[in-house]
Amino acid sequence: MTIKWVKQDPLVLNGEPFCHNSRLTVRQLLELRRNGYTLTDLLAEHPELRVVGIAAAYCYAADHRDRYPAFFEADGSLAGPGYRDDEAGSLPAHYRRPGVVVKGTPVAT
């Protein structure tokens, strides 16, 4: 069975796209990211989310930029920290979009 990571139903959350297995909308996820939440932060506060599901939500936003214009930087990337290269390594190739999903900060050594 294939999971649809971003769902939209007019009877759920007023039709706002949301993440699989949660009541967190794509817009809320983007707001958290814009406010500096990293992948680790998101998973700690929302254990119902999955790494691939968060990436799918970011890709959904990129595919629907007209719906989420406030969350994009001038260069076209999503605002806020994204996945680091090592965090995105296990994602399917179509979810490893530079500037959308993969936009991490360097790891401190």
C-alpha atoms as a PDB file:
ATOM      1  CA  MET A   1       0.000   0.000   0.000  1.00  0.00           C
ATOM      2  CA  THR A   2       1.258   3.455  -0.910  1.00  0.00           C
ATOM      3  CA  ILE A   3       0.771   6.200   1.644  1.00  0.00           C
ATOM      4  CA  LYS A   4      -0.455   9.566   0.464  1.00  0.00           C
ATOM      5  CA  TRP A   5       1.657  11.785   2.722  1.00  0.00           C
ATOM      6  CA  VAL A   6      -0.293  14.986   2.073  1.00  0.00           C
ATOM      7  CA  LYS A   7      -4.046  14.688   2.096  1.00  0.00           C
ATOM      8  CA  GLN A   8      -6.862  17.084   1.337  1.00  0.00           C
ATOM      9  CA  ASP A   9     -10.484  16.493   2.224  1.00  0.00           C
ATOM     10  CA  PRO A  10     -13.186  19.174   2.236  1.00  0.00           C
ATOM     11  CA  LEU A  11     -14.611  17.616   5.411  1.00  0.00           C
ATOM     12  CA  VAL A  12     -11.313  17.692   7.322  1.00  0.00           C
ATOM     13  CA  LEU A  13      -9.682  20.920   8.524  1.00  0.00           C
ATOM     14  CA  ASN A  14     -11.876  22.970   6.166  1.00  0.00           C
ATOM     15  CA  GLY A  15     -10.170  21.404   3.160  1.00  0.00           C
ATOM     16  CA  GLU A  16      -6.700  22.626   4.121  1.00  0.00           C
ATOM     17  CA  PRO A  17      -3.987  20.142   2.995  1.00  0.00           C
ATOM     18  CA  PHE A  18      -2.618  18.218   5.976  1.00  0.00           C
ATOM     19  CA  CYS A  19       0.066  15.678   6.812  1.00  0.00           C
ATOM     20  CA  HIS A  20      -0.769  11.964   6.917  1.00  0.00           C
ATOM     21  CA  ASN A  21      -1.595  10.629  10.378  1.00  0.00           C
ATOM     22  CA  SER A  22      -1.796  14.096  11.933  1.00  0.00           C
ATOM     23  CA  ARG A  23      -3.910  17.226  12.255  1.00  0.00           C
ATOM     24  CA  LEU A  24      -0.955  19.384  11.232  1.00  0.00           C
ATOM     25  CA  THR A  25      -1.575  21.318   8.034  1.00  0.00           C
ATOM     26  CA  VAL A  26       1.042  22.017   5.403  1.00  0.00           C
ATOM     27  CA  ARG A  27       0.706  25.736   6.242  1.00  0.00           C
ATOM     28  CA  GLN A  28       1.381  25.074   9.950  1.00  0.00           C
ATOM     29  CA  LEU A  29       4.421  22.982   9.049  1.00  0.00           C
ATOM     30  CA  LEU A  30       5.744  25.784   6.831  1.00  0.00           C
ATOM     31  CA  GLU A  31       5.193  28.318   9.623  1.00  0.00           C
ATOM     32  CA  LEU A  32       7.177  26.156  12.020  1.00  0.00           C
ATOM     33  CA  ARG A  33       9.992  25.819   9.494  1.00  0.00           C
ATOM     34  CA  ARG A  34      10.020  29.569   8.788  1.00  0.00           C
ATOM     35  CA  ASN A  35      10.323  30.102  12.555  1.00  0.00           C
ATOM     36  CA  GLY A  36      13.489  27.996  12.661  1.00  0.00           C
ATOM     37  CA  TYR A  37      12.230  24.504  13.439  1.00  0.00           C
ATOM     38  CA  THR A  38      14.604  21.845  12.157  1.00  0.00           C
ATOM     39  CA  LEU A  39      13.678  18.290  11.230  1.00  0.00           C
ATOM     40  CA  THR A  40      14.768  17.168  14.701  1.00  0.00           C
ATOM     41  CA  ASP A  41      12.573  19.813  16.358  1.00  0.00           C
ATOM     42  CA  LEU A  42       9.550  18.857  14.263  1.00  0.00           C
ATOM     43  CA  LEU A  43       9.887  15.153  15.000  1.00  0.00           C
ATOM     44  CA  ALA A  44      10.381  15.806  18.718  1.00  0.00           C
ATOM     45  CA  GLU A  45       7.243  17.946  18.994  1.00  0.00           C
ATOM     46  CA  HIS A  46       5.152  15.943  16.520  1.00  0.00           C
ATOM     47  CA  PRO A  47       6.130  12.263  16.864  1.00  0.00           C
ATOM     48  CA  GLU A  48       3.212  11.274  14.619  1.00  0.00           C
ATOM     49  CA  LEU A  49       5.070  12.774  11.632  1.00  0.00           C
ATOM     50  CA  ARG A  50       7.574  10.871   9.520  1.00  0.00           C
ATOM     51  CA  VAL A  51      10.727  12.107   7.788  1.00  0.00           C
ATOM     52  CA  VAL A  52       9.329  11.312   4.349  1.00  0.00           C
ATOM     53  CA  GLY A  53       5.970  12.878   5.211  1.00  0.00           C
ATOM     54  CA  ILE A  54       7.535  16.202   6.146  1.00  0.00           C
ATOM     55  CA  ALA A  55       9.546  16.174   2.908  1.00  0.00           C
ATOM     56  CA  ALA A  56       6.352  15.429   0.973  1.00  0.00           C
ATOM     57  CA  ALA A  57       4.660  18.437   2.605  1.00  0.00           C
ATOM     58  CA  TYR A  58       7.554  20.694   1.591  1.00  0.00           C
ATOM     59  CA  CYS A  59       7.344  19.375  -1.982  1.00  0.00           C
ATOM     60  CA  TYR A  60       3.578  19.864  -1.977  1.00  0.00           C
ATOM     61  CA  ALA A  61       4.118  23.515  -1.015  1.00  0.00           C
ATOM     62  CA  ALA A  62       6.677  23.923  -3.797  1.00  0.00           C
ATOM     63  CA  ASP A  63       4.239  22.446  -6.300  1.00  0.00           C
ATOM     64  CA  HIS A  64       1.535  24.870  -5.065  1.00  0.00           C
ATOM     65  CA  ARG A  65       3.597  28.061  -4.645  1.00  0.00           C
ATOM     66  CA  ASP A  66       0.594  30.219  -5.471  1.00  0.00           C
ATOM     67  CA  ARG A  67      -1.087  28.893  -2.326  1.00  0.00           C
ATOM     68  CA  TYR A  68       1.946  29.503  -0.070  1.00  0.00           C
ATOM     69  CA  PRO A  69       3.807  32.548  -1.473  1.00  0.00           C
ATOM     70  CA  ALA A  70       4.735  33.969   1.946  1.00  0.00           C
ATOM     71  CA  PHE A  71       6.909  30.949   2.694  1.00  0.00           C
ATOM     72  CA  PHE A  72       9.337  31.332  -0.220  1.00  0.00           C
ATOM     73  CA  GLU A  73      12.553  33.331  -0.265  1.00  0.00           C
ATOM     74  CA  ALA A  74      13.494  35.626  -3.163  1.00  0.00           C
ATOM     75  CA  ASP A  75      15.688  32.845  -4.602  1.00  0.00           C
ATOM     76  CA  GLY A  76      12.706  30.472  -4.741  1.00  0.00           C
ATOM     77  CA  SER A  77      13.706  28.318  -1.790  1.00  0.00           C
ATOM     78  CA  LEU A  78      11.473  27.647   1.202  1.00  0.00           C
ATOM     79  CA  ALA A  79      12.121  29.899   4.187  1.00  0.00           C
ATOM     80  CA  GLY A  80      13.804  28.374   7.205  1.00  0.00           C
ATOM     81  CA  PRO A  81      16.001  25.358   7.733  1.00  0.00           C
ATOM     82  CA  GLY A  82      15.353  22.309   5.658  1.00  0.00           C
ATOM     83  CA  TYR A  83      16.932  18.899   5.798  1.00  0.00           C
ATOM     84  CA  ARG A  84      20.689  18.544   5.936  1.00  0.00           C
ATOM     85  CA  ASP A  85      22.237  16.313   3.278  1.00  0.00           C
ATOM     86  CA  ASP A  86      22.679  13.482   5.796  1.00  0.00           C
ATOM     87  CA  GLU A  87      19.015  13.726   6.875  1.00  0.00           C
ATOM     88  CA  ALA A  88      17.805  13.638   3.263  1.00  0.00           C
ATOM     89  CA  GLY A  89      19.948  10.649   2.337  1.00  0.00           C
ATOM     90  CA  SER A  90      17.235   8.091   3.024  1.00  0.00           C
ATOM     91  CA  LEU A  91      14.516   9.957   1.117  1.00  0.00           C
ATOM     92  CA  PRO A  92      13.311   8.865  -2.318  1.00  0.00           C
ATOM     93  CA  ALA A  93      15.026  10.920  -5.029  1.00  0.00           C
ATOM     94  CA  HIS A  94      11.896  12.888  -5.940  1.00  0.00           C
ATOM     95  CA  TYR A  95      11.754  14.292  -2.390  1.00  0.00           C
ATOM     96  CA  ARG A  96      15.398  15.457  -2.255  1.00  0.00           C
ATOM     97  CA  ARG A  97      14.734  18.828  -3.864  1.00  0.00           C
ATOM     98  CA  PRO A  98      17.456  21.442  -3.300  1.00  0.00           C
ATOM     99  CA  GLY A  99      16.114  24.611  -1.689  1.00  0.00           C
ATOM    100  CA  VAL A 100      12.798  22.963  -0.909  1.00  0.00           C
ATOM    101  CA  VAL A 101      13.630  19.927   1.182  1.00  0.00           C
ATOM    102  CA  VAL A 102      17.429  19.988   1.350  1.00  0.00           C
ATOM    103  CA  LYS A 103      18.496  23.343   2.718  1.00  0.00           C
ATOM    104  CA  GLY A 104      20.283  22.519   5.887  1.00  0.00           C
ATOM    105  CA  THR A 105      22.759  24.314   7.972  1.00  0.00           C
ATOM    106  CA  PRO A 106      26.270  22.931   8.281  1.00  0.00           C
ATOM    107  CA  VAL A 107      26.807  20.471  11.094  1.00  0.00           C
ATOM    108  CA  ALA A 108      28.979  21.937  13.869  1.00  0.00           C
ATOM    109  CA  THR A 109      32.173  20.006  14.490  1.00  0.00           C
END
